[in-house]
Amino acid sequence: MFFQIIDILGTIAFAISGVLVALSKKMDPFGVFIIAFVTAVGGGTLRDVLIGQTPVAWMTNMTYVYVIFGATLFAVLFKSKLNYLRTSLLLFDTIGIGLYTVVGIEKGLVASLHPLICIALGTMTACFGGVIRDILCNEIPVIFRKEIYATACILGGSTYFVLRELPIAENFIFVIAAVVVIVIRLLAVRFKISLPSLYRE
């Protein structure tokens, strides 16, 4: 149940981040919903296909569809409260990658995959929906810029496996690993920390 709650919260966060990007591009209602949907399920769909879990999660559990629709409606109705779209997008996108990283790792563990593959799976789960969102909205995906994004997921995933070696309840490990991803991402943005550039500025 705790794992499912984390999954649903990640879905909500990513759906809202998709809505915010779509609204900034002045898309029509259908376009807003589509962007919200692919942002929320894109990473999970790739994950499920890679581990051979088909039909993928959102096709077998309508809860995801209802949650995405509800989150989209909420974000559209309260868009006036989300005037600072850039700040709101950063917050919801960051929460999304934190929660989805541990969701992807857990799915990898259930499939009996190696820890390194689990971390890669968690990172893909967290980042791929945002990649699809940005491509469809004609933006360079954040993961391909020099920002600390996928790196935060990898560090959070590594923290997850370190904590598993300690006498800590699994639910707390989920939360701590997700918080590590979120904090690293927010600190990197706040203090303008980024990966080194391959090009001269």
C-alpha atoms as a PDB file:
ATOM      1  CA  MET A   1       0.000   0.000   0.000  1.00  0.00           C
ATOM      2  CA  PHE A   2       2.838   2.413   0.901  1.00  0.00           C
ATOM      3  CA  PHE A   3       4.581   1.653  -2.402  1.00  0.00           C
ATOM      4  CA  GLN A   4       1.351   2.271  -4.316  1.00  0.00           C
ATOM      5  CA  ILE A   5       0.870   5.617  -2.561  1.00  0.00           C
ATOM      6  CA  ILE A   6       4.366   6.699  -3.644  1.00  0.00           C
ATOM      7  CA  ASP A   7       3.581   5.616  -7.204  1.00  0.00           C
ATOM      8  CA  ILE A   8       0.318   7.600  -7.240  1.00  0.00           C
ATOM      9  CA  LEU A   9       1.987  10.702  -5.762  1.00  0.00           C
ATOM     10  CA  GLY A  10       4.675  10.518  -8.448  1.00  0.00           C
ATOM     11  CA  THR A  11       1.978  10.216 -11.105  1.00  0.00           C
ATOM     12  CA  ILE A  12       0.219  13.311  -9.770  1.00  0.00           C
ATOM     13  CA  ALA A  13       3.438  15.337  -9.618  1.00  0.00           C
ATOM     14  CA  PHE A  14       4.450  14.450 -13.178  1.00  0.00           C
ATOM     15  CA  ALA A  15       0.967  15.013 -14.564  1.00  0.00           C
ATOM     16  CA  ILE A  16       0.920  18.520 -13.087  1.00  0.00           C
ATOM     17  CA  SER A  17       4.401  19.240 -14.450  1.00  0.00           C
ATOM     18  CA  GLY A  18       3.152  18.174 -17.881  1.00  0.00           C
ATOM     19  CA  VAL A  19       0.142  20.487 -17.584  1.00  0.00           C
ATOM     20  CA  LEU A  20       2.365  23.430 -16.656  1.00  0.00           C
ATOM     21  CA  VAL A  21       4.591  22.939 -19.697  1.00  0.00           C
ATOM     22  CA  ALA A  22       1.569  22.501 -21.999  1.00  0.00           C
ATOM     23  CA  LEU A  23      -0.058  25.646 -20.621  1.00  0.00           C
ATOM     24  CA  SER A  24       3.147  27.608 -21.172  1.00  0.00           C
ATOM     25  CA  LYS A  25       2.945  26.499 -24.820  1.00  0.00           C
ATOM     26  CA  LYS A  26      -0.727  27.595 -24.995  1.00  0.00           C
ATOM     27  CA  MET A  27      -2.001  24.174 -26.050  1.00  0.00           C
ATOM     28  CA  ASP A  28      -5.692  23.337 -26.313  1.00  0.00           C
ATOM     29  CA  PRO A  29      -7.375  21.140 -23.622  1.00  0.00           C
ATOM     30  CA  PHE A  30      -6.708  17.915 -25.528  1.00  0.00           C
ATOM     31  CA  GLY A  31      -3.052  18.808 -25.964  1.00  0.00           C
ATOM     32  CA  VAL A  32      -2.745  19.646 -22.261  1.00  0.00           C
ATOM     33  CA  PHE A  33      -4.172  16.257 -21.274  1.00  0.00           C
ATOM     34  CA  ILE A  34      -1.960  14.349 -23.709  1.00  0.00           C
ATOM     35  CA  ILE A  35       1.195  16.077 -22.448  1.00  0.00           C
ATOM     36  CA  ALA A  36       0.142  15.430 -18.841  1.00  0.00           C
ATOM     37  CA  PHE A  37      -0.537  11.788 -19.655  1.00  0.00           C
ATOM     38  CA  VAL A  38       2.717  11.002 -21.464  1.00  0.00           C
ATOM     39  CA  THR A  39       4.708  12.834 -18.791  1.00  0.00           C
ATOM     40  CA  ALA A  40       3.085  10.768 -16.060  1.00  0.00           C
ATOM     41  CA  VAL A  41       3.263   7.323 -17.697  1.00  0.00           C
ATOM     42  CA  GLY A  42       6.130   7.617 -20.183  1.00  0.00           C
ATOM     43  CA  GLY A  43       8.863   6.456 -17.824  1.00  0.00           C
ATOM     44  CA  GLY A  44       6.749   3.709 -16.298  1.00  0.00           C
ATOM     45  CA  THR A  45       5.770   2.433 -19.734  1.00  0.00           C
ATOM     46  CA  LEU A  46       9.407   2.143 -20.816  1.00  0.00           C
ATOM     47  CA  ARG A  47      10.255   0.420 -17.524  1.00  0.00           C
ATOM     48  CA  ASP A  48       7.468  -2.151 -17.831  1.00  0.00           C
ATOM     49  CA  VAL A  49       8.333  -2.932 -21.449  1.00  0.00           C
ATOM     50  CA  LEU A  50      12.004  -3.432 -20.569  1.00  0.00           C
ATOM     51  CA  ILE A  51      11.253  -5.876 -17.748  1.00  0.00           C
ATOM     52  CA  GLY A  52       8.589  -7.683 -19.770  1.00  0.00           C
ATOM     53  CA  GLN A  53       5.652  -6.627 -17.625  1.00  0.00           C
ATOM     54  CA  THR A  54       2.923  -6.252 -20.213  1.00  0.00           C
ATOM     55  CA  PRO A  55       0.304  -4.954 -20.600  1.00  0.00           C
ATOM     56  CA  VAL A  56       1.954  -2.009 -18.866  1.00  0.00           C
ATOM     57  CA  ALA A  57       0.715  -0.785 -15.474  1.00  0.00           C
ATOM     58  CA  TRP A  58      -1.582   2.031 -16.616  1.00  0.00           C
ATOM     59  CA  MET A  59      -3.401  -0.305 -19.026  1.00  0.00           C
ATOM     60  CA  THR A  60      -4.275  -2.795 -16.311  1.00  0.00           C
ATOM     61  CA  ASN A  61      -5.046  -0.344 -13.520  1.00  0.00           C
ATOM     62  CA  MET A  62      -7.461   2.462 -14.395  1.00  0.00           C
ATOM     63  CA  THR A  63      -6.519   4.276 -11.194  1.00  0.00           C
ATOM     64  CA  TYR A  64      -3.596   5.850 -13.052  1.00  0.00           C
ATOM     65  CA  VAL A  65      -5.859   7.194 -15.797  1.00  0.00           C
ATOM     66  CA  TYR A  66      -8.305   8.651 -13.258  1.00  0.00           C
ATOM     67  CA  VAL A  67      -5.489  10.184 -11.213  1.00  0.00           C
ATOM     68  CA  ILE A  68      -3.906  11.796 -14.285  1.00  0.00           C
ATOM     69  CA  PHE A  69      -7.271  13.185 -15.401  1.00  0.00           C
ATOM     70  CA  GLY A  70      -7.941  14.552 -11.902  1.00  0.00           C
ATOM     71  CA  ALA A  71      -4.471  16.100 -11.606  1.00  0.00           C
ATOM     72  CA  THR A  72      -4.840  17.676 -15.045  1.00  0.00           C
ATOM     73  CA  LEU A  73      -8.227  19.144 -14.175  1.00  0.00           C
ATOM     74  CA  PHE A  74      -6.878  20.441 -10.855  1.00  0.00           C
ATOM     75  CA  ALA A  75      -3.865  22.123 -12.463  1.00  0.00           C
ATOM     76  CA  VAL A  76      -5.987  23.718 -15.198  1.00  0.00           C
ATOM     77  CA  LEU A  77      -8.644  24.996 -12.767  1.00  0.00           C
ATOM     78  CA  PHE A  78      -6.045  26.431 -10.404  1.00  0.00           C
ATOM     79  CA  LYS A  79      -3.595  27.682 -13.018  1.00  0.00           C
ATOM     80  CA  SER A  80      -4.109  31.227 -11.710  1.00  0.00           C
ATOM     81  CA  LYS A  81      -2.673  30.016  -8.399  1.00  0.00           C
ATOM     82  CA  LEU A  82       0.308  28.623 -10.278  1.00  0.00           C
ATOM     83  CA  ASN A  83       1.331  31.897 -11.859  1.00  0.00           C
ATOM     84  CA  TYR A  84       4.983  31.246 -11.319  1.00  0.00           C
ATOM     85  CA  LEU A  85       4.983  28.416 -13.844  1.00  0.00           C
ATOM     86  CA  ARG A  86       8.745  27.993 -13.891  1.00  0.00           C
ATOM     87  CA  THR A  87       8.982  27.613 -10.119  1.00  0.00           C
ATOM     88  CA  SER A  88       5.938  25.343  -9.969  1.00  0.00           C
ATOM     89  CA  LEU A  89       7.254  23.208 -12.818  1.00  0.00           C
ATOM     90  CA  LEU A  90      10.598  22.782 -11.071  1.00  0.00           C
ATOM     91  CA  LEU A  91       8.900  21.747  -7.827  1.00  0.00           C
ATOM     92  CA  PHE A  92       6.477  19.198  -9.296  1.00  0.00           C
ATOM     93  CA  ASP A  93       9.038  17.816 -11.748  1.00  0.00           C
ATOM     94  CA  THR A  94      11.544  17.380  -8.917  1.00  0.00           C
ATOM     95  CA  ILE A  95       9.028  15.635  -6.666  1.00  0.00           C
ATOM     96  CA  GLY A  96       8.148  13.402  -9.603  1.00  0.00           C
ATOM     97  CA  ILE A  97      11.704  12.265 -10.319  1.00  0.00           C
ATOM     98  CA  GLY A  98      12.325  11.617  -6.625  1.00  0.00           C
ATOM     99  CA  LEU A  99       9.287   9.397  -6.200  1.00  0.00           C
ATOM    100  CA  TYR A 100       9.589   7.639  -9.556  1.00  0.00           C
ATOM    101  CA  THR A 101      13.246   6.787  -8.954  1.00  0.00           C
ATOM    102  CA  VAL A 102      12.364   4.581  -5.978  1.00  0.00           C
ATOM    103  CA  VAL A 103       9.333   3.168  -7.788  1.00  0.00           C
ATOM    104  CA  GLY A 104      11.552   2.068 -10.685  1.00  0.00           C
ATOM    105  CA  ILE A 105      14.133   0.583  -8.328  1.00  0.00           C
ATOM    106  CA  GLU A 106      11.489  -1.414  -6.505  1.00  0.00           C
ATOM    107  CA  LYS A 107      10.160  -2.774  -9.801  1.00  0.00           C
ATOM    108  CA  GLY A 108      13.692  -3.825 -10.692  1.00  0.00           C
ATOM    109  CA  LEU A 109      14.119  -5.619  -7.378  1.00  0.00           C
ATOM    110  CA  VAL A 110      10.845  -7.476  -7.884  1.00  0.00           C
ATOM    111  CA  ALA A 111      12.218  -8.601 -11.259  1.00  0.00           C
ATOM    112  CA  SER A 112      15.396  -9.816  -9.466  1.00  0.00           C
ATOM    113  CA  LEU A 113      17.685  -7.465 -11.367  1.00  0.00           C
ATOM    114  CA  HIS A 114      21.216  -6.418 -10.350  1.00  0.00           C
ATOM    115  CA  PRO A 115      21.384  -3.255  -8.180  1.00  0.00           C
ATOM    116  CA  LEU A 116      23.130  -1.275 -10.941  1.00  0.00           C
ATOM    117  CA  ILE A 117      20.393  -2.219 -13.396  1.00  0.00           C
ATOM    118  CA  CYS A 118      17.781  -1.294 -10.781  1.00  0.00           C
ATOM    119  CA  ILE A 119      19.344   2.159 -10.436  1.00  0.00           C
ATOM    120  CA  ALA A 120      19.353   2.555 -14.232  1.00  0.00           C
ATOM    121  CA  LEU A 121      15.728   1.413 -14.325  1.00  0.00           C
ATOM    122  CA  GLY A 122      14.795   3.898 -11.596  1.00  0.00           C
ATOM    123  CA  THR A 123      16.544   6.704 -13.462  1.00  0.00           C
ATOM    124  CA  MET A 124      14.751   5.852 -16.713  1.00  0.00           C
ATOM    125  CA  THR A 125      11.413   5.653 -14.904  1.00  0.00           C
ATOM    126  CA  ALA A 126      12.026   9.093 -13.422  1.00  0.00           C
ATOM    127  CA  CYS A 127      13.380  10.836 -16.508  1.00  0.00           C
ATOM    128  CA  PHE A 128      11.805   9.359 -19.631  1.00  0.00           C
ATOM    129  CA  GLY A 129       8.353  10.916 -19.173  1.00  0.00           C
ATOM    130  CA  GLY A 130       9.981  14.339 -18.951  1.00  0.00           C
ATOM    131  CA  VAL A 131      12.019  13.585 -22.084  1.00  0.00           C
ATOM    132  CA  ILE A 132       8.833  12.821 -24.052  1.00  0.00           C
ATOM    133  CA  ARG A 133       7.138  15.921 -22.604  1.00  0.00           C
ATOM    134  CA  ASP A 134       9.972  18.231 -23.606  1.00  0.00           C
ATOM    135  CA  ILE A 135      10.348  16.746 -27.094  1.00  0.00           C
ATOM    136  CA  LEU A 136       6.624  17.085 -27.811  1.00  0.00           C
ATOM    137  CA  CYS A 137       6.747  20.666 -26.532  1.00  0.00           C
ATOM    138  CA  ASN A 138       9.766  21.477 -28.731  1.00  0.00           C
ATOM    139  CA  GLU A 139      12.201  21.846 -25.832  1.00  0.00           C
ATOM    140  CA  ILE A 140      15.630  20.303 -25.293  1.00  0.00           C
ATOM    141  CA  PRO A 141      14.986  17.674 -22.577  1.00  0.00           C
ATOM    142  CA  VAL A 142      16.378  18.669 -19.189  1.00  0.00           C
ATOM    143  CA  ILE A 143      18.230  15.356 -18.928  1.00  0.00           C
ATOM    144  CA  PHE A 144      20.302  16.296 -22.004  1.00  0.00           C
ATOM    145  CA  ARG A 145      21.366  19.646 -20.599  1.00  0.00           C
ATOM    146  CA  LYS A 146      24.188  20.052 -18.104  1.00  0.00           C
ATOM    147  CA  GLU A 147      21.767  20.392 -15.178  1.00  0.00           C
ATOM    148  CA  ILE A 148      21.901  17.949 -12.256  1.00  0.00           C
ATOM    149  CA  TYR A 149      18.865  15.809 -13.124  1.00  0.00           C
ATOM    150  CA  ALA A 150      19.563  12.164 -13.934  1.00  0.00           C
ATOM    151  CA  THR A 151      22.627  12.460 -11.687  1.00  0.00           C
ATOM    152  CA  ALA A 152      20.329  13.200  -8.751  1.00  0.00           C
ATOM    153  CA  CYS A 153      18.340  10.042  -9.540  1.00  0.00           C
ATOM    154  CA  ILE A 154      21.513   7.954  -9.676  1.00  0.00           C
ATOM    155  CA  LEU A 155      22.722   9.323  -6.340  1.00  0.00           C
ATOM    156  CA  GLY A 156      19.312   8.739  -4.768  1.00  0.00           C
ATOM    157  CA  GLY A 157      19.253   5.201  -6.152  1.00  0.00           C
ATOM    158  CA  SER A 158      22.722   4.530  -4.769  1.00  0.00           C
ATOM    159  CA  THR A 159      21.566   5.828  -1.389  1.00  0.00           C
ATOM    160  CA  TYR A 160      18.666   3.375  -1.541  1.00  0.00           C
ATOM    161  CA  PHE A 161      20.979   0.372  -1.797  1.00  0.00           C
ATOM    162  CA  VAL A 162      23.368   1.680   0.865  1.00  0.00           C
ATOM    163  CA  LEU A 163      20.452   2.067   3.280  1.00  0.00           C
ATOM    164  CA  ARG A 164      19.283  -1.476   2.528  1.00  0.00           C
ATOM    165  CA  GLU A 165      22.435  -2.706   4.243  1.00  0.00           C
ATOM    166  CA  LEU A 166      21.405  -0.944   7.450  1.00  0.00           C
ATOM    167  CA  PRO A 167      18.695  -1.962   9.943  1.00  0.00           C
ATOM    168  CA  ILE A 168      16.158   0.548   8.592  1.00  0.00           C
ATOM    169  CA  ALA A 169      12.518  -0.153   7.758  1.00  0.00           C
ATOM    170  CA  GLU A 170      11.928  -0.415   4.019  1.00  0.00           C
ATOM    171  CA  ASN A 171       9.306   2.328   4.019  1.00  0.00           C
ATOM    172  CA  PHE A 172      11.831   4.754   5.505  1.00  0.00           C
ATOM    173  CA  ILE A 173      14.380   3.729   2.871  1.00  0.00           C
ATOM    174  CA  PHE A 174      11.861   4.633   0.156  1.00  0.00           C
ATOM    175  CA  VAL A 175      11.266   8.057   1.666  1.00  0.00           C
ATOM    176  CA  ILE A 176      14.922   8.855   2.393  1.00  0.00           C
ATOM    177  CA  ALA A 177      16.088   7.863  -1.098  1.00  0.00           C
ATOM    178  CA  ALA A 178      13.341   9.963  -2.722  1.00  0.00           C
ATOM    179  CA  VAL A 179      14.189  12.930  -0.493  1.00  0.00           C
ATOM    180  CA  VAL A 180      17.869  12.621  -1.444  1.00  0.00           C
ATOM    181  CA  VAL A 181      16.932  12.948  -5.129  1.00  0.00           C
ATOM    182  CA  ILE A 182      14.658  15.928  -4.439  1.00  0.00           C
ATOM    183  CA  VAL A 183      17.156  17.753  -2.205  1.00  0.00           C
ATOM    184  CA  ILE A 184      20.091  17.245  -4.587  1.00  0.00           C
ATOM    185  CA  ARG A 185      18.041  18.534  -7.516  1.00  0.00           C
ATOM    186  CA  LEU A 186      16.755  21.584  -5.633  1.00  0.00           C
ATOM    187  CA  LEU A 187      20.191  22.448  -4.213  1.00  0.00           C
ATOM    188  CA  ALA A 188      21.743  22.136  -7.670  1.00  0.00           C
ATOM    189  CA  VAL A 189      19.197  24.589  -9.069  1.00  0.00           C
ATOM    190  CA  ARG A 190      19.424  26.926  -6.073  1.00  0.00           C
ATOM    191  CA  PHE A 191      23.213  27.167  -6.156  1.00  0.00           C
ATOM    192  CA  LYS A 192      23.550  26.764  -9.946  1.00  0.00           C
ATOM    193  CA  ILE A 193      25.542  23.552  -9.678  1.00  0.00           C
ATOM    194  CA  SER A 194      25.821  21.715 -12.977  1.00  0.00           C
ATOM    195  CA  LEU A 195      27.846  19.102 -14.791  1.00  0.00           C
ATOM    196  CA  PRO A 196      30.943  20.392 -16.593  1.00  0.00           C
ATOM    197  CA  SER A 197      30.345  21.559 -20.148  1.00  0.00           C
ATOM    198  CA  LEU A 198      32.092  19.954 -23.112  1.00  0.00           C
ATOM    199  CA  TYR A 199      31.971  23.263 -24.909  1.00  0.00           C
ATOM    200  CA  ARG A 200      33.580  26.637 -24.323  1.00  0.00           C
ATOM    201  CA  GLU A 201      31.130  29.167 -22.964  1.00  0.00           C
END
